[in-house]
Amino acid sequence: MTTELVWFKSSYSSNDGPDCLEAAISTTSHPAIRIRDSKNKDGARLAFSDGAWSEFLRFTAEN
């Protein structure tokens, strides 16, 4: 079974700006938050575990 990721744009990204981030939530046997550059959809992607993503958000909220 192939599960296609459903990408959504960050609420902090604009349609006009050069800096756009897209995220997708993978619910496969290895759940993860996936991140990519919306201007380069075939480029590099990052994957974060739930715990790592939560820690990243906590860190950015404090700084």
N, C-alpha and C. Protein backbone atom coordinates (compact mmCIF):
# COMPACT_ATOMS: atom_id res chain seq x y z
N MET A 1 0.84 -1.19 0.00
CA MET A 1 0.00 0.00 0.00
C MET A 1 0.88 1.24 0.00
N THR A 2 0.64 2.16 -0.91
CA THR A 2 1.38 3.40 -0.99
C THR A 2 0.53 4.53 -0.42
N THR A 3 1.12 5.27 0.50
CA THR A 3 0.42 6.41 1.09
C THR A 3 1.09 7.68 0.62
N GLU A 4 0.36 8.50 -0.10
CA GLU A 4 0.88 9.77 -0.58
C GLU A 4 0.79 10.81 0.54
N LEU A 5 1.85 11.58 0.70
CA LEU A 5 1.85 12.63 1.72
C LEU A 5 0.98 13.78 1.25
N VAL A 6 0.26 14.38 2.18
CA VAL A 6 -0.55 15.57 1.90
C VAL A 6 0.21 16.75 2.48
N TRP A 7 0.78 17.56 1.59
CA TRP A 7 1.60 18.70 2.00
C TRP A 7 0.73 19.92 2.22
N PHE A 8 1.08 20.71 3.23
CA PHE A 8 0.39 21.99 3.47
C PHE A 8 1.44 23.04 3.77
N LYS A 9 1.12 24.27 3.41
CA LYS A 9 2.06 25.38 3.58
C LYS A 9 1.99 25.92 5.00
N SER A 10 3.13 26.29 5.52
CA SER A 10 3.20 26.89 6.85
C SER A 10 2.36 28.16 6.89
N SER A 11 1.72 28.41 8.01
CA SER A 11 0.93 29.63 8.16
C SER A 11 1.83 30.87 8.19
N TYR A 12 3.14 30.69 8.37
CA TYR A 12 4.08 31.80 8.36
C TYR A 12 4.62 32.09 6.96
N SER A 13 4.29 31.27 5.99
CA SER A 13 4.74 31.47 4.62
C SER A 13 3.70 32.27 3.86
N SER A 14 4.19 33.13 2.98
CA SER A 14 3.26 33.89 2.14
C SER A 14 3.31 33.34 0.72
N ASN A 15 2.32 33.66 -0.06
CA ASN A 15 2.31 33.22 -1.46
C ASN A 15 3.26 34.04 -2.31
N ASP A 16 3.64 35.23 -1.84
CA ASP A 16 4.46 36.14 -2.63
C ASP A 16 5.95 36.06 -2.30
N GLY A 17 6.29 35.57 -1.12
CA GLY A 17 7.67 35.60 -0.68
C GLY A 17 8.49 34.43 -1.17
N PRO A 18 9.82 34.58 -1.10
CA PRO A 18 10.70 33.51 -1.56
C PRO A 18 10.87 32.38 -0.54
N ASP A 19 10.51 32.62 0.70
CA ASP A 19 10.73 31.63 1.76
C ASP A 19 9.43 30.93 2.11
N CYS A 20 9.24 29.74 1.58
CA CYS A 20 8.02 28.99 1.84
C CYS A 20 8.38 27.60 2.34
N LEU A 21 7.71 27.20 3.37
CA LEU A 21 7.91 25.90 3.99
C LEU A 21 6.63 25.11 3.87
N GLU A 22 6.74 23.83 3.53
CA GLU A 22 5.59 22.95 3.50
C GLU A 22 5.85 21.79 4.45
N ALA A 23 4.79 21.30 5.04
CA ALA A 23 4.90 20.19 5.98
C ALA A 23 3.88 19.12 5.62
N ALA A 24 4.17 17.91 6.01
CA ALA A 24 3.24 16.78 5.85
C ALA A 24 3.43 15.87 7.06
N ILE A 25 2.35 15.25 7.46
CA ILE A 25 2.40 14.33 8.58
C ILE A 25 2.31 12.91 8.04
N SER A 26 3.35 12.15 8.29
CA SER A 26 3.41 10.76 7.85
C SER A 26 2.86 9.88 8.96
N THR A 27 1.90 9.04 8.62
CA THR A 27 1.28 8.17 9.63
C THR A 27 1.57 6.70 9.34
N THR A 28 2.67 6.45 8.67
CA THR A 28 3.06 5.07 8.35
C THR A 28 3.58 4.38 9.61
N SER A 29 4.25 3.26 9.44
CA SER A 29 4.81 2.54 10.59
C SER A 29 5.91 3.36 11.28
N HIS A 30 6.44 4.38 10.60
CA HIS A 30 7.43 5.30 11.19
C HIS A 30 6.86 6.71 11.12
N PRO A 31 5.95 7.07 12.05
CA PRO A 31 5.33 8.40 11.99
C PRO A 31 6.38 9.51 12.08
N ALA A 32 6.17 10.56 11.31
CA ALA A 32 7.12 11.67 11.30
C ALA A 32 6.45 12.92 10.75
N ILE A 33 7.04 14.05 11.10
CA ILE A 33 6.68 15.33 10.50
C ILE A 33 7.69 15.54 9.39
N ARG A 34 7.22 15.72 8.17
CA ARG A 34 8.09 15.92 7.00
C ARG A 34 8.08 17.39 6.62
N ILE A 35 9.23 17.93 6.26
CA ILE A 35 9.38 19.34 5.90
C ILE A 35 10.10 19.43 4.56
N ARG A 36 9.65 20.36 3.70
CA ARG A 36 10.33 20.61 2.42
C ARG A 36 10.17 22.07 2.03
N ASP A 37 10.98 22.50 1.09
CA ASP A 37 10.92 23.84 0.51
C ASP A 37 9.88 23.81 -0.60
N SER A 38 8.86 24.65 -0.53
CA SER A 38 7.80 24.61 -1.53
C SER A 38 8.27 25.05 -2.91
N LYS A 39 9.38 25.77 -2.97
CA LYS A 39 9.92 26.21 -4.26
C LYS A 39 10.77 25.12 -4.92
N ASN A 40 11.11 24.07 -4.17
CA ASN A 40 11.94 22.98 -4.68
C ASN A 40 11.36 21.66 -4.16
N LYS A 41 10.20 21.30 -4.65
CA LYS A 41 9.45 20.15 -4.13
C LYS A 41 10.18 18.82 -4.30
N ASP A 42 11.10 18.73 -5.24
CA ASP A 42 11.86 17.49 -5.43
C ASP A 42 13.20 17.53 -4.71
N GLY A 43 13.47 18.61 -4.00
CA GLY A 43 14.74 18.77 -3.31
C GLY A 43 14.76 18.01 -1.98
N ALA A 44 15.71 18.39 -1.16
CA ALA A 44 15.91 17.74 0.14
C ALA A 44 14.68 17.90 1.03
N ARG A 45 14.45 16.88 1.85
CA ARG A 45 13.35 16.89 2.82
C ARG A 45 13.91 16.49 4.17
N LEU A 46 13.30 17.02 5.19
CA LEU A 46 13.66 16.66 6.55
C LEU A 46 12.53 15.85 7.16
N ALA A 47 12.87 14.97 8.08
CA ALA A 47 11.86 14.18 8.80
C ALA A 47 12.18 14.26 10.29
N PHE A 48 11.17 14.57 11.09
CA PHE A 48 11.32 14.69 12.54
C PHE A 48 10.36 13.73 13.23
N SER A 49 10.83 13.07 14.27
CA SER A 49 9.93 12.27 15.09
C SER A 49 9.01 13.23 15.84
N ASP A 50 7.92 12.72 16.40
CA ASP A 50 7.01 13.57 17.17
C ASP A 50 7.74 14.29 18.29
N GLY A 51 8.59 13.56 19.01
CA GLY A 51 9.32 14.15 20.14
C GLY A 51 10.30 15.22 19.70
N ALA A 52 11.03 14.96 18.63
CA ALA A 52 11.99 15.95 18.12
C ALA A 52 11.27 17.20 17.62
N TRP A 53 10.15 17.03 16.94
CA TRP A 53 9.39 18.18 16.44
C TRP A 53 8.85 19.00 17.61
N SER A 54 8.33 18.35 18.62
CA SER A 54 7.82 19.06 19.80
C SER A 54 8.93 19.85 20.48
N GLU A 55 10.11 19.25 20.59
CA GLU A 55 11.25 19.94 21.20
C GLU A 55 11.68 21.13 20.35
N PHE A 56 11.68 20.98 19.03
CA PHE A 56 12.02 22.09 18.13
C PHE A 56 11.03 23.23 18.30
N LEU A 57 9.74 22.93 18.33
CA LEU A 57 8.73 23.99 18.51
C LEU A 57 8.87 24.68 19.87
N ARG A 58 9.15 23.90 20.90
CA ARG A 58 9.35 24.48 22.23
C ARG A 58 10.56 25.43 22.21
N PHE A 59 11.64 25.00 21.57
CA PHE A 59 12.84 25.82 21.48
C PHE A 59 12.57 27.13 20.73
N THR A 60 11.89 27.06 19.58
CA THR A 60 11.64 28.26 18.80
C THR A 60 10.69 29.21 19.51
N ALA A 61 9.77 28.69 20.29
CA ALA A 61 8.84 29.56 21.03
C ALA A 61 9.55 30.34 22.13
N GLU A 62 10.63 29.76 22.66
CA GLU A 62 11.37 30.40 23.74
C GLU A 62 12.38 31.43 23.21
N ASN A 63 12.71 31.39 21.93
CA ASN A 63 13.77 32.26 21.39
C ASN A 63 13.26 33.21 20.39
